[in-house]
Each structure stands twice: as C-alpha cells, then as structure tokens.
Amino acid sequence: MIEILLATYNGERFLPEQIESIISQSFKDYNILASDDNSSDCTFEILRSYESVLGEKIRVVQSNTHSAKENFYNLLDMADAEYIALCDQDDFWESDKLEKSLKAIQRLERRYGKETPILVHSDLEIVDENLNSKNKKMSELTGINEAIKYAKKESKYLYTISTEKSFSRYLVENNITGNTVIINKALLDIYKRPEVSFMHDWWLGLIAFTFGKVGFLNECLVKYRQHENNELGAKNPLELHNIKKRNKQRIRENYDCMFAQVEEFLRLYKDELGKSRSADTYFARKYLNAFANMKSKNRVSKIRDILKYSFFKSSKILTIGEMLNI
C-alpha cells in the first residue's frame, strides 16, 4: 500500500484537479494523508468534501506550521505505510504515476534488499496553469542529467545514482523534486526530523544517498503547474533576467543554510554514520565532513575544497558563482 502525503495551504484553485488525478490512478491500493496548514480559503473544506468520495482512503488533519517543509515533516511524522509518496496541491499526476513509481522502487528493493532505505524520484513536465505544455522538463533545469552520466542503468528509464560520483554535487544543489518522490519503509524508519534544513526533499535525499540508494525515473510522471505562487520552482538560473534578479545577501543566506543542514545531519546521524560499514556511507561521510569543515575557512581554502571534493553545481557559471559567494 502507498500512503500519499498531501500538504496544502490556500490551494483551492487547483487542489480538486490534483485529487482527481490521484483518484484516476491505475494503481488503486493507496490512501491519502492530507495536512492543511491553516488555510484562509476553502482548501480545508475541499479536502473534507472528498471524504464522502474516498471514505477511509483519505484522512484530513490541520496544522499550523506556516511552512511547506514543516508541514511535510508533520506528515512524515504521522506516516506509517510500506511506501510513501509526496504530493503537492497544485500539480497533476499522469494516470500511471503511482504504478511506475512503485515498480521502480520495488525493482531497487529486489536488487539491494527491502531493508535498504530507498528514494525514487522522476522527471516532470513543466506546464502553465491550464496544464498546457511549455515543452520543458525539470531535468533540463537541474543537475540530474550530469548525475545520470555516472549512474547505474537498471532498466530502460530507471537509474541508480552513484553516491561516490554524485553526492558531492548534491550537497550544493538539490536535484530531487519532492512532488515526484516515493520512499520505502526502510527510509521512513531511519528518518529523523531536523531542526534545521533547506527543504524536506533535500533532507530525504541526504538520508537515501548516505544510508541507501537514490533512484531516478527518466520519465515525466507529473505535470508541474507553473503559476504566480510557485514560478521560482522551475526557473532557469542561467537566463539573463534571473541573473539580474539575484540577491547577493539571499545567496549567502542560502549557503549558510546548506552548511547548517549538513551540520544538523552530522549531529542527528552521528551514531549511524559511525556504525555503518557500507561503501556509500563511507563516501557520504567523507563529503559531509569536508563540506561542514569548509564553513570556517577563508575564500581561497573554500575554492580549493570545491575543486578537491567536486562540490560543483550543474554549470560552470553557477560553480564560479558558488566560489565567489559561499
């Protein structure tokens, strides 16, 4: 069974269409755990209205976190199923999204064992608010295509991303899109809620890379609706107008948050990092410590570490910017 974690906040405009896309899934053994973050519109009422349609397949709770990531952490704290899928309120799922995601994660479980923490994410199609295609995929805007170069191909579309080759890049640039993620019970069992993190999907990726496996399905299983409230989620950082809009102070704050996220991970998983003898954990621990130690170094030493440990972003231009701002 798959438990779908749906986080909502003032999502009345697109929420019904998202829920209808879940109801239309080819895979039917699921339930929905929805947490509404104190919406001021009719979002909560919409969720409750689906109880008459879905019955016990949906459970609706209220939260007051004022944060999408904290709302998802609340959901993860309550989750208890063999597989967990994350869901945003304003996307649209292809009808075989759950079926293909489940087959992918089960394929990796057969190869690496059900006791291995596993996260699988997919590509997605960027669309406008009316679901019209913009002929763009999220993979074109992230570093996932670089990671695929060093990945193990498991099937036509499924790859296992290499911790040794890709984890250093992941520490400075998240390429896991949370609204496509599915995780197994083994990952949920080792999950610890952080006090400090950048985003929930980035945090789950750190866990999977360090103690298990990260899979990527090179298929668009979700239509990512780009509108005024989430447009930043699918922008090309190399486009001129986006470069001009950059706030240097905000950029430095982001790097501070990246350092804090890694420090929090090292704190929470100190015992597990010390006990594990797996090759993936060895490489992850090496990069985690190197990244955390870089925080207190001067600019020249930071640049040396970026080059030494390949803390590279998805383009040379972005990596140069990293060297100047980190």
C-alpha atoms as a PDB file:
ATOM      1  CA  MET A   1       0.000   0.000   0.000  1.00  0.00           C
ATOM      2  CA  ILE A   2       1.125   3.539  -0.793  1.00  0.00           C
ATOM      3  CA  GLU A   3       0.409   6.390   1.581  1.00  0.00           C
ATOM      4  CA  ILE A   4       0.200   9.722  -0.245  1.00  0.00           C
ATOM      5  CA  LEU A   5       1.299  12.691   1.858  1.00  0.00           C
ATOM      6  CA  LEU A   6      -0.535  15.777   0.609  1.00  0.00           C
ATOM      7  CA  ALA A   7       0.493  19.152   2.083  1.00  0.00           C
ATOM      8  CA  THR A   8      -1.855  22.056   1.410  1.00  0.00           C
ATOM      9  CA  TYR A   9      -2.109  25.791   2.016  1.00  0.00           C
ATOM     10  CA  ASN A  10      -4.567  28.110   0.258  1.00  0.00           C
ATOM     11  CA  GLY A  11      -4.752  25.710  -2.661  1.00  0.00           C
ATOM     12  CA  GLU A  12      -8.442  25.838  -3.522  1.00  0.00           C
ATOM     13  CA  ARG A  13      -7.803  26.872  -7.135  1.00  0.00           C
ATOM     14  CA  PHE A  14      -6.000  23.723  -8.294  1.00  0.00           C
ATOM     15  CA  LEU A  15      -6.464  21.191  -5.474  1.00  0.00           C
ATOM     16  CA  PRO A  16      -9.575  19.435  -6.871  1.00  0.00           C
ATOM     17  CA  GLU A  17      -7.806  18.699 -10.160  1.00  0.00           C
ATOM     18  CA  GLN A  18      -4.834  17.225  -8.315  1.00  0.00           C
ATOM     19  CA  ILE A  19      -7.042  14.988  -6.182  1.00  0.00           C
ATOM     20  CA  GLU A  20      -8.982  13.873  -9.252  1.00  0.00           C
ATOM     21  CA  SER A  21      -5.688  12.870 -10.888  1.00  0.00           C
ATOM     22  CA  ILE A  22      -4.960  10.716  -7.828  1.00  0.00           C
ATOM     23  CA  ILE A  23      -8.400   9.108  -7.982  1.00  0.00           C
ATOM     24  CA  SER A  24      -7.742   8.296 -11.670  1.00  0.00           C
ATOM     25  CA  GLN A  25      -4.508   6.406 -10.931  1.00  0.00           C
ATOM     26  CA  SER A  26      -4.172   2.943 -12.451  1.00  0.00           C
ATOM     27  CA  PHE A  27      -2.799   1.744  -9.092  1.00  0.00           C
ATOM     28  CA  LYS A  28      -5.622   1.781  -6.552  1.00  0.00           C
ATOM     29  CA  ASP A  29      -4.069   0.478  -3.323  1.00  0.00           C
ATOM     30  CA  TYR A  30      -3.380   3.860  -1.751  1.00  0.00           C
ATOM     31  CA  ASN A  31      -4.665   6.217   0.881  1.00  0.00           C
ATOM     32  CA  ILE A  32      -4.225   9.962   1.268  1.00  0.00           C
ATOM     33  CA  LEU A  33      -2.992  11.672   4.417  1.00  0.00           C
ATOM     34  CA  ALA A  34      -3.631  15.378   3.893  1.00  0.00           C
ATOM     35  CA  SER A  35      -2.418  18.152   6.194  1.00  0.00           C
ATOM     36  CA  ASP A  36      -3.772  21.652   5.690  1.00  0.00           C
ATOM     37  CA  ASP A  37      -1.587  24.438   7.072  1.00  0.00           C
ATOM     38  CA  ASN A  38      -4.326  26.709   8.424  1.00  0.00           C
ATOM     39  CA  SER A  39      -5.591  27.874   5.014  1.00  0.00           C
ATOM     40  CA  SER A  40      -7.676  31.039   4.848  1.00  0.00           C
ATOM     41  CA  ASP A  41      -9.555  29.917   1.726  1.00  0.00           C
ATOM     42  CA  CYS A  42     -11.725  26.824   1.144  1.00  0.00           C
ATOM     43  CA  THR A  43      -8.861  24.325   0.921  1.00  0.00           C
ATOM     44  CA  PHE A  44      -9.743  22.504   4.144  1.00  0.00           C
ATOM     45  CA  GLU A  45     -13.412  22.278   3.156  1.00  0.00           C
ATOM     46  CA  ILE A  46     -12.419  20.852  -0.245  1.00  0.00           C
ATOM     47  CA  LEU A  47     -10.327  18.173   1.449  1.00  0.00           C
ATOM     48  CA  ARG A  48     -13.185  17.293   3.798  1.00  0.00           C
ATOM     49  CA  SER A  49     -15.612  17.099   0.871  1.00  0.00           C
ATOM     50  CA  TYR A  50     -13.576  14.250  -0.608  1.00  0.00           C
ATOM     51  CA  GLU A  51     -14.190  12.150   2.494  1.00  0.00           C
ATOM     52  CA  SER A  52     -17.633  11.373   1.071  1.00  0.00           C
ATOM     53  CA  VAL A  53     -15.988  10.227  -2.177  1.00  0.00           C
ATOM     54  CA  LEU A  54     -12.961   8.372  -0.843  1.00  0.00           C
ATOM     55  CA  GLY A  55     -14.170   7.326   2.597  1.00  0.00           C
ATOM     56  CA  GLU A  56     -11.390   5.710   4.618  1.00  0.00           C
ATOM     57  CA  LYS A  57      -8.926   6.259   1.753  1.00  0.00           C
ATOM     58  CA  ILE A  58      -8.441   9.860   2.880  1.00  0.00           C
ATOM     59  CA  ARG A  59      -7.595  11.320   6.291  1.00  0.00           C
ATOM     60  CA  VAL A  60      -7.527  15.082   6.768  1.00  0.00           C
ATOM     61  CA  VAL A  61      -5.706  16.881   9.577  1.00  0.00           C
ATOM     62  CA  GLN A  62      -4.918  20.514  10.308  1.00  0.00           C
ATOM     63  CA  SER A  63      -1.563  22.043  11.158  1.00  0.00           C
ATOM     64  CA  ASN A  64      -0.182  25.490  11.880  1.00  0.00           C
ATOM     65  CA  THR A  65       3.438  25.438  10.720  1.00  0.00           C
ATOM     66  CA  HIS A  66       3.497  28.398   8.277  1.00  0.00           C
ATOM     67  CA  SER A  67       5.986  26.377   6.237  1.00  0.00           C
ATOM     68  CA  ALA A  68       5.599  23.849   3.424  1.00  0.00           C
ATOM     69  CA  LYS A  69       8.609  21.818   4.541  1.00  0.00           C
ATOM     70  CA  GLU A  70       7.446  21.709   8.174  1.00  0.00           C
ATOM     71  CA  ASN A  71       4.004  20.642   7.006  1.00  0.00           C
ATOM     72  CA  PHE A  72       5.617  17.766   5.118  1.00  0.00           C
ATOM     73  CA  TYR A  73       7.698  16.907   8.193  1.00  0.00           C
ATOM     74  CA  ASN A  74       4.444  16.743  10.173  1.00  0.00           C
ATOM     75  CA  LEU A  75       3.102  14.317   7.594  1.00  0.00           C
ATOM     76  CA  LEU A  76       6.261  12.196   7.677  1.00  0.00           C
ATOM     77  CA  ASP A  77       5.984  12.052  11.472  1.00  0.00           C
ATOM     78  CA  MET A  78       2.471  10.610  11.098  1.00  0.00           C
ATOM     79  CA  ALA A  79       3.163   8.313   8.127  1.00  0.00           C
ATOM     80  CA  ASP A  80       3.146   4.551   8.548  1.00  0.00           C
ATOM     81  CA  ALA A  81       2.997   2.540   5.340  1.00  0.00           C
ATOM     82  CA  GLU A  82       5.180   0.286   3.225  1.00  0.00           C
ATOM     83  CA  TYR A  83       5.645   3.068   0.676  1.00  0.00           C
ATOM     84  CA  ILE A  84       5.244   6.835   0.980  1.00  0.00           C
ATOM     85  CA  ALA A  85       4.609   9.239  -1.935  1.00  0.00           C
ATOM     86  CA  LEU A  86       4.872  13.019  -1.581  1.00  0.00           C
ATOM     87  CA  CYS A  87       2.253  15.202  -3.223  1.00  0.00           C
ATOM     88  CA  ASP A  88       1.904  18.955  -3.824  1.00  0.00           C
ATOM     89  CA  GLN A  89      -1.510  20.590  -4.042  1.00  0.00           C
ATOM     90  CA  ASP A  90      -1.329  22.154  -7.493  1.00  0.00           C
ATOM     91  CA  ASP A  91       0.210  19.540  -9.793  1.00  0.00           C
ATOM     92  CA  PHE A  92      -1.406  16.891 -11.967  1.00  0.00           C
ATOM     93  CA  TRP A  93      -0.327  13.258 -11.889  1.00  0.00           C
ATOM     94  CA  GLU A  94      -0.165  11.126 -15.005  1.00  0.00           C
ATOM     95  CA  SER A  95      -2.503   8.143 -14.592  1.00  0.00           C
ATOM     96  CA  ASP A  96       0.370   5.653 -14.236  1.00  0.00           C
ATOM     97  CA  LYS A  97       2.454   7.783 -11.846  1.00  0.00           C
ATOM     98  CA  LEU A  98       1.947   5.585  -8.793  1.00  0.00           C
ATOM     99  CA  GLU A  99       2.187   2.345 -10.756  1.00  0.00           C
ATOM    100  CA  LYS A 100       5.512   3.232 -12.388  1.00  0.00           C
ATOM    101  CA  SER A 101       6.959   4.705  -9.174  1.00  0.00           C
ATOM    102  CA  LEU A 102       6.056   1.567  -7.230  1.00  0.00           C
ATOM    103  CA  LYS A 103       7.532  -0.764  -9.847  1.00  0.00           C
ATOM    104  CA  ALA A 104      10.746   1.267  -9.828  1.00  0.00           C
ATOM    105  CA  ILE A 105      11.237   1.259  -6.062  1.00  0.00           C
ATOM    106  CA  GLN A 106      10.360  -2.436  -5.819  1.00  0.00           C
ATOM    107  CA  ARG A 107      12.896  -3.206  -8.552  1.00  0.00           C
ATOM    108  CA  LEU A 108      15.584  -1.473  -6.480  1.00  0.00           C
ATOM    109  CA  GLU A 109      14.423  -3.335  -3.356  1.00  0.00           C
ATOM    110  CA  ARG A 110      14.863  -6.641  -5.169  1.00  0.00           C
ATOM    111  CA  ARG A 111      18.397  -5.653  -6.137  1.00  0.00           C
ATOM    112  CA  TYR A 112      19.538  -4.021  -2.885  1.00  0.00           C
ATOM    113  CA  GLY A 113      17.158  -5.512  -0.285  1.00  0.00           C
ATOM    114  CA  LYS A 114      13.949  -4.261   1.346  1.00  0.00           C
ATOM    115  CA  GLU A 115      15.984  -3.311   4.416  1.00  0.00           C
ATOM    116  CA  THR A 116      17.844  -0.710   2.306  1.00  0.00           C
ATOM    117  CA  PRO A 117      16.495   2.860   2.556  1.00  0.00           C
ATOM    118  CA  ILE A 118      15.432   3.803  -0.980  1.00  0.00           C
ATOM    119  CA  LEU A 119      14.147   7.009  -2.566  1.00  0.00           C
ATOM    120  CA  VAL A 120      12.972   7.191  -6.174  1.00  0.00           C
ATOM    121  CA  HIS A 121      12.117  10.426  -7.974  1.00  0.00           C
ATOM    122  CA  SER A 122      11.153  11.136 -11.547  1.00  0.00           C
ATOM    123  CA  ASP A 123      11.301  13.859 -14.135  1.00  0.00           C
ATOM    124  CA  LEU A 124       8.309  16.129 -14.609  1.00  0.00           C
ATOM    125  CA  GLU A 125       6.800  18.232 -17.352  1.00  0.00           C
ATOM    126  CA  ILE A 126       6.507  21.979 -16.815  1.00  0.00           C
ATOM    127  CA  VAL A 127       3.073  23.272 -17.804  1.00  0.00           C
ATOM    128  CA  ASP A 128       1.129  26.516 -17.456  1.00  0.00           C
ATOM    129  CA  GLU A 129      -1.761  26.973 -15.050  1.00  0.00           C
ATOM    130  CA  ASN A 130      -4.134  25.377 -17.590  1.00  0.00           C
ATOM    131  CA  LEU A 131      -1.883  22.303 -17.966  1.00  0.00           C
ATOM    132  CA  ASN A 132      -0.678  23.362 -21.407  1.00  0.00           C
ATOM    133  CA  SER A 133       2.847  22.103 -22.018  1.00  0.00           C
ATOM    134  CA  LYS A 134       5.749  24.565 -22.082  1.00  0.00           C
ATOM    135  CA  ASN A 135       7.874  21.905 -23.817  1.00  0.00           C
ATOM    136  CA  LYS A 136      10.255  21.865 -20.859  1.00  0.00           C
ATOM    137  CA  LYS A 137      11.270  19.155 -18.432  1.00  0.00           C
ATOM    138  CA  MET A 138      12.564  19.787 -14.934  1.00  0.00           C
ATOM    139  CA  SER A 139      15.678  17.738 -15.727  1.00  0.00           C
ATOM    140  CA  GLU A 140      16.722  20.498 -18.115  1.00  0.00           C
ATOM    141  CA  LEU A 141      16.947  22.924 -15.176  1.00  0.00           C
ATOM    142  CA  THR A 142      18.694  20.732 -12.592  1.00  0.00           C
ATOM    143  CA  GLY A 143      21.902  18.750 -12.347  1.00  0.00           C
ATOM    144  CA  ILE A 144      20.236  15.360 -12.733  1.00  0.00           C
ATOM    145  CA  ASN A 145      21.491  14.852 -16.294  1.00  0.00           C
ATOM    146  CA  GLU A 146      25.066  15.113 -15.004  1.00  0.00           C
ATOM    147  CA  ALA A 147      24.279  12.515 -12.334  1.00  0.00           C
ATOM    148  CA  ILE A 148      22.873  10.107 -14.927  1.00  0.00           C
ATOM    149  CA  LYS A 149      26.276  10.035 -16.671  1.00  0.00           C
ATOM    150  CA  TYR A 150      27.698   8.140 -13.687  1.00  0.00           C
ATOM    151  CA  ALA A 151      24.538   6.223 -12.728  1.00  0.00           C
ATOM    152  CA  LYS A 152      23.839   2.508 -12.970  1.00  0.00           C
ATOM    153  CA  LYS A 153      21.114   1.784 -15.515  1.00  0.00           C
ATOM    154  CA  GLU A 154      18.597  -0.623 -14.014  1.00  0.00           C
ATOM    155  CA  SER A 155      16.040  -0.626 -16.853  1.00  0.00           C
ATOM    156  CA  LYS A 156      15.033   1.477 -19.854  1.00  0.00           C
ATOM    157  CA  TYR A 157      14.179   4.515 -17.726  1.00  0.00           C
ATOM    158  CA  LEU A 158      15.412   3.704 -14.210  1.00  0.00           C
ATOM    159  CA  TYR A 159      18.848   4.668 -12.890  1.00  0.00           C
ATOM    160  CA  THR A 160      20.555   4.217  -9.534  1.00  0.00           C
ATOM    161  CA  ILE A 161      22.503   7.391  -8.824  1.00  0.00           C
ATOM    162  CA  SER A 162      26.072   6.891  -7.577  1.00  0.00           C
ATOM    163  CA  THR A 163      26.828   8.255  -4.112  1.00  0.00           C
ATOM    164  CA  GLU A 164      30.563   8.297  -4.853  1.00  0.00           C
ATOM    165  CA  LYS A 165      30.191  10.232  -8.108  1.00  0.00           C
ATOM    166  CA  SER A 166      27.170  12.462  -7.402  1.00  0.00           C
ATOM    167  CA  PHE A 167      26.787  13.096  -3.661  1.00  0.00           C
ATOM    168  CA  SER A 168      29.324  15.942  -3.531  1.00  0.00           C
ATOM    169  CA  ARG A 169      27.279  17.846  -6.125  1.00  0.00           C
ATOM    170  CA  TYR A 170      24.060  17.101  -4.272  1.00  0.00           C
ATOM    171  CA  LEU A 171      25.339  18.891  -1.168  1.00  0.00           C
ATOM    172  CA  VAL A 172      25.347  22.226  -3.038  1.00  0.00           C
ATOM    173  CA  GLU A 173      22.461  21.700  -5.473  1.00  0.00           C
ATOM    174  CA  ASN A 174      19.328  19.658  -4.882  1.00  0.00           C
ATOM    175  CA  ASN A 175      18.110  17.836  -7.993  1.00  0.00           C
ATOM    176  CA  ILE A 176      15.378  15.806  -6.277  1.00  0.00           C
ATOM    177  CA  THR A 177      11.954  17.289  -6.946  1.00  0.00           C
ATOM    178  CA  GLY A 178       9.825  16.482  -3.921  1.00  0.00           C
ATOM    179  CA  ASN A 179       6.482  16.216  -5.704  1.00  0.00           C
ATOM    180  CA  THR A 180       7.747  13.164  -7.642  1.00  0.00           C
ATOM    181  CA  VAL A 181       9.266  11.313  -4.667  1.00  0.00           C
ATOM    182  CA  ILE A 182       8.407   7.860  -3.355  1.00  0.00           C
ATOM    183  CA  ILE A 183      10.279   6.286  -0.415  1.00  0.00           C
ATOM    184  CA  ASN A 184      10.149   2.867   1.202  1.00  0.00           C
ATOM    185  CA  LYS A 185       9.510   1.893   4.812  1.00  0.00           C
ATOM    186  CA  ALA A 186      13.228   1.353   5.451  1.00  0.00           C
ATOM    187  CA  LEU A 187      13.897   5.030   4.712  1.00  0.00           C
ATOM    188  CA  LEU A 188      10.903   6.164   6.760  1.00  0.00           C
ATOM    189  CA  ASP A 189      12.199   4.122   9.699  1.00  0.00           C
ATOM    190  CA  ILE A 190      15.594   5.860   9.655  1.00  0.00           C
ATOM    191  CA  TYR A 191      14.138   9.326   9.007  1.00  0.00           C
ATOM    192  CA  LYS A 192      14.736  11.867  11.773  1.00  0.00           C
ATOM    193  CA  ARG A 193      13.075  15.246  11.761  1.00  0.00           C
ATOM    194  CA  PRO A 194      15.657  18.053  11.567  1.00  0.00           C
ATOM    195  CA  GLU A 195      15.519  21.303  13.468  1.00  0.00           C
ATOM    196  CA  VAL A 196      17.354  22.966  10.562  1.00  0.00           C
ATOM    197  CA  SER A 197      17.121  22.049   6.882  1.00  0.00           C
ATOM    198  CA  PHE A 198      16.792  23.650   3.470  1.00  0.00           C
ATOM    199  CA  MET A 199      13.807  21.647   2.192  1.00  0.00           C
ATOM    200  CA  HIS A 200      12.195  18.323   3.040  1.00  0.00           C
ATOM    201  CA  ASP A 201      13.062  16.683  -0.298  1.00  0.00           C
ATOM    202  CA  TRP A 202      16.716  17.720   0.031  1.00  0.00           C
ATOM    203  CA  TRP A 203      16.778  16.229   3.537  1.00  0.00           C
ATOM    204  CA  LEU A 204      15.270  12.906   2.436  1.00  0.00           C
ATOM    205  CA  GLY A 205      17.839  12.764  -0.357  1.00  0.00           C
ATOM    206  CA  LEU A 206      20.679  13.164   2.136  1.00  0.00           C
ATOM    207  CA  ILE A 207      19.349  10.166   4.071  1.00  0.00           C
ATOM    208  CA  ALA A 208      18.927   8.000   0.970  1.00  0.00           C
ATOM    209  CA  PHE A 209      22.340   8.855  -0.506  1.00  0.00           C
ATOM    210  CA  THR A 210      24.094   8.232   2.815  1.00  0.00           C
ATOM    211  CA  PHE A 211      22.438   5.057   4.040  1.00  0.00           C
ATOM    212  CA  GLY A 212      20.740   3.589   0.991  1.00  0.00           C
ATOM    213  CA  LYS A 213      20.031   4.235  -2.673  1.00  0.00           C
ATOM    214  CA  VAL A 214      18.599   7.038  -4.808  1.00  0.00           C
ATOM    215  CA  GLY A 215      16.790   6.046  -7.988  1.00  0.00           C
ATOM    216  CA  PHE A 216      15.775   8.304 -10.861  1.00  0.00           C
ATOM    217  CA  LEU A 217      12.997   7.523 -13.334  1.00  0.00           C
ATOM    218  CA  ASN A 218      13.798   9.373 -16.532  1.00  0.00           C
ATOM    219  CA  GLU A 219      10.120   9.839 -17.355  1.00  0.00           C
ATOM    220  CA  CYS A 220       7.744  12.749 -16.803  1.00  0.00           C
ATOM    221  CA  LEU A 221       5.147  11.348 -14.402  1.00  0.00           C
ATOM    222  CA  VAL A 222       3.912  14.694 -13.057  1.00  0.00           C
ATOM    223  CA  LYS A 223       2.714  17.868 -14.725  1.00  0.00           C
ATOM    224  CA  TYR A 224       4.308  20.702 -12.737  1.00  0.00           C
ATOM    225  CA  ARG A 225       1.926  23.607 -12.889  1.00  0.00           C
ATOM    226  CA  GLN A 226       3.831  26.894 -13.121  1.00  0.00           C
ATOM    227  CA  HIS A 227       1.865  29.866 -11.819  1.00  0.00           C
ATOM    228  CA  GLU A 228       2.420  33.056  -9.847  1.00  0.00           C
ATOM    229  CA  ASN A 229       2.821  31.270  -6.499  1.00  0.00           C
ATOM    230  CA  ASN A 230       5.395  28.668  -7.499  1.00  0.00           C
ATOM    231  CA  GLU A 231       7.177  30.046 -10.560  1.00  0.00           C
ATOM    232  CA  LEU A 232      10.537  30.102  -8.775  1.00  0.00           C
ATOM    233  CA  GLY A 233      10.448  26.332  -8.623  1.00  0.00           C
ATOM    234  CA  ALA A 234      11.040  25.951 -12.359  1.00  0.00           C
ATOM    235  CA  LYS A 235      13.242  28.853 -13.405  1.00  0.00           C
ATOM    236  CA  ASN A 236      16.449  28.617 -15.374  1.00  0.00           C
ATOM    237  CA  PRO A 237      19.161  30.225 -13.220  1.00  0.00           C
ATOM    238  CA  LEU A 238      21.257  30.976 -16.307  1.00  0.00           C
ATOM    239  CA  GLU A 239      18.666  33.142 -18.038  1.00  0.00           C
ATOM    240  CA  LEU A 240      19.713  36.806 -18.033  1.00  0.00           C
ATOM    241  CA  HIS A 241      16.609  38.164 -16.286  1.00  0.00           C
ATOM    242  CA  ASN A 242      17.047  35.625 -13.480  1.00  0.00           C
ATOM    243  CA  ILE A 243      20.713  36.533 -13.079  1.00  0.00           C
ATOM    244  CA  LYS A 244      19.790  40.217 -12.773  1.00  0.00           C
ATOM    245  CA  LYS A 245      17.209  39.463 -10.072  1.00  0.00           C
ATOM    246  CA  ARG A 246      19.671  37.656  -7.802  1.00  0.00           C
ATOM    247  CA  ASN A 247      20.011  38.985  -4.296  1.00  0.00           C
ATOM    248  CA  LYS A 248      23.581  38.506  -3.085  1.00  0.00           C
ATOM    249  CA  GLN A 249      22.527  38.587   0.539  1.00  0.00           C
ATOM    250  CA  ARG A 250      19.926  35.906  -0.103  1.00  0.00           C
ATOM    251  CA  ILE A 251      22.506  33.801  -1.937  1.00  0.00           C
ATOM    252  CA  ARG A 252      24.868  33.925   1.042  1.00  0.00           C
ATOM    253  CA  GLU A 253      21.981  33.055   3.361  1.00  0.00           C
ATOM    254  CA  ASN A 254      21.247  30.030   1.188  1.00  0.00           C
ATOM    255  CA  TYR A 255      24.825  28.822   1.523  1.00  0.00           C
ATOM    256  CA  ASP A 256      24.649  29.346   5.279  1.00  0.00           C
ATOM    257  CA  CYS A 257      21.529  27.172   5.276  1.00  0.00           C
ATOM    258  CA  MET A 258      23.336  24.476   3.271  1.00  0.00           C
ATOM    259  CA  PHE A 259      26.114  24.402   5.868  1.00  0.00           C
ATOM    260  CA  ALA A 260      23.570  24.302   8.698  1.00  0.00           C
ATOM    261  CA  GLN A 261      21.709  21.451   7.003  1.00  0.00           C
ATOM    262  CA  VAL A 262      24.845  19.328   6.784  1.00  0.00           C
ATOM    263  CA  GLU A 263      25.823  20.147  10.369  1.00  0.00           C
ATOM    264  CA  GLU A 264      22.360  19.084  11.508  1.00  0.00           C
ATOM    265  CA  PHE A 265      22.629  15.855   9.533  1.00  0.00           C
ATOM    266  CA  LEU A 266      26.004  15.050  11.112  1.00  0.00           C
ATOM    267  CA  ARG A 267      24.550  15.764  14.550  1.00  0.00           C
ATOM    268  CA  LEU A 268      21.404  13.678  14.166  1.00  0.00           C
ATOM    269  CA  TYR A 269      23.059  10.719  12.444  1.00  0.00           C
ATOM    270  CA  LYS A 270      26.351  10.669  14.339  1.00  0.00           C
ATOM    271  CA  ASP A 271      25.816   7.156  15.686  1.00  0.00           C
ATOM    272  CA  GLU A 272      24.593   5.685  12.390  1.00  0.00           C
ATOM    273  CA  LEU A 273      27.496   7.224  10.480  1.00  0.00           C
ATOM    274  CA  GLY A 274      29.947   5.721  12.939  1.00  0.00           C
ATOM    275  CA  LYS A 275      28.450   2.221  12.864  1.00  0.00           C
ATOM    276  CA  SER A 276      27.843   1.779   9.137  1.00  0.00           C
ATOM    277  CA  ARG A 277      30.475  -0.026   7.080  1.00  0.00           C
ATOM    278  CA  SER A 278      28.862   0.373   3.665  1.00  0.00           C
ATOM    279  CA  ALA A 279      30.827   1.972   0.838  1.00  0.00           C
ATOM    280  CA  ASP A 280      28.089   4.536   0.183  1.00  0.00           C
ATOM    281  CA  THR A 281      28.099   5.670   3.811  1.00  0.00           C
ATOM    282  CA  TYR A 282      31.887   5.903   3.764  1.00  0.00           C
ATOM    283  CA  PHE A 283      31.859   8.244   0.763  1.00  0.00           C
ATOM    284  CA  ALA A 284      28.920  10.242   2.114  1.00  0.00           C
ATOM    285  CA  ARG A 285      30.621  10.741   5.480  1.00  0.00           C
ATOM    286  CA  LYS A 286      33.774  11.925   3.718  1.00  0.00           C
ATOM    287  CA  TYR A 287      31.901  14.565   1.709  1.00  0.00           C
ATOM    288  CA  LEU A 288      29.659  15.622   4.610  1.00  0.00           C
ATOM    289  CA  ASN A 289      32.629  16.290   6.888  1.00  0.00           C
ATOM    290  CA  ALA A 290      34.579  18.069   4.154  1.00  0.00           C
ATOM    291  CA  PHE A 291      31.632  20.319   3.383  1.00  0.00           C
ATOM    292  CA  ALA A 292      30.951  21.133   7.040  1.00  0.00           C
ATOM    293  CA  ASN A 293      34.633  21.928   7.668  1.00  0.00           C
ATOM    294  CA  MET A 294      34.684  24.314   4.726  1.00  0.00           C
ATOM    295  CA  LYS A 295      32.366  26.756   6.520  1.00  0.00           C
ATOM    296  CA  SER A 296      35.080  28.284   8.722  1.00  0.00           C
ATOM    297  CA  LYS A 297      37.753  28.510   6.007  1.00  0.00           C
ATOM    298  CA  ASN A 298      38.819  31.562   4.035  1.00  0.00           C
ATOM    299  CA  ARG A 299      37.833  32.134   0.419  1.00  0.00           C
ATOM    300  CA  VAL A 300      40.960  30.568  -1.127  1.00  0.00           C
ATOM    301  CA  SER A 301      40.672  27.448   1.027  1.00  0.00           C
ATOM    302  CA  LYS A 302      36.983  27.118   0.197  1.00  0.00           C
ATOM    303  CA  ILE A 303      37.746  27.265  -3.518  1.00  0.00           C
ATOM    304  CA  ARG A 304      40.426  24.604  -3.067  1.00  0.00           C
ATOM    305  CA  ASP A 305      37.921  22.343  -1.321  1.00  0.00           C
ATOM    306  CA  ILE A 306      35.293  22.921  -4.004  1.00  0.00           C
ATOM    307  CA  LEU A 307      37.802  21.740  -6.602  1.00  0.00           C
ATOM    308  CA  LYS A 308      39.199  18.910  -4.456  1.00  0.00           C
ATOM    309  CA  TYR A 309      35.846  17.384  -3.498  1.00  0.00           C
ATOM    310  CA  SER A 310      33.904  18.339  -6.654  1.00  0.00           C
ATOM    311  CA  PHE A 311      31.325  20.485  -4.877  1.00  0.00           C
ATOM    312  CA  PHE A 312      30.179  21.558  -8.326  1.00  0.00           C
ATOM    313  CA  LYS A 313      26.835  22.932  -9.454  1.00  0.00           C
ATOM    314  CA  SER A 314      25.137  21.983 -12.728  1.00  0.00           C
ATOM    315  CA  SER A 315      27.060  24.539 -14.813  1.00  0.00           C
ATOM    316  CA  LYS A 316      30.470  26.183 -14.766  1.00  0.00           C
ATOM    317  CA  ILE A 317      28.872  29.622 -14.429  1.00  0.00           C
ATOM    318  CA  LEU A 318      26.929  28.578 -11.328  1.00  0.00           C
ATOM    319  CA  THR A 319      30.026  26.929  -9.860  1.00  0.00           C
ATOM    320  CA  ILE A 320      32.031  30.142 -10.350  1.00  0.00           C
ATOM    321  CA  GLY A 321      29.222  31.999  -8.601  1.00  0.00           C
ATOM    322  CA  GLU A 322      29.427  29.475  -5.799  1.00  0.00           C
ATOM    323  CA  MET A 323      33.142  30.131  -5.387  1.00  0.00           C
ATOM    324  CA  LEU A 324      32.514  33.858  -5.139  1.00  0.00           C
ATOM    325  CA  ASN A 325      29.634  33.670  -2.658  1.00  0.00           C
ATOM    326  CA  ILE A 326      29.980  30.585  -0.480  1.00  0.00           C
END
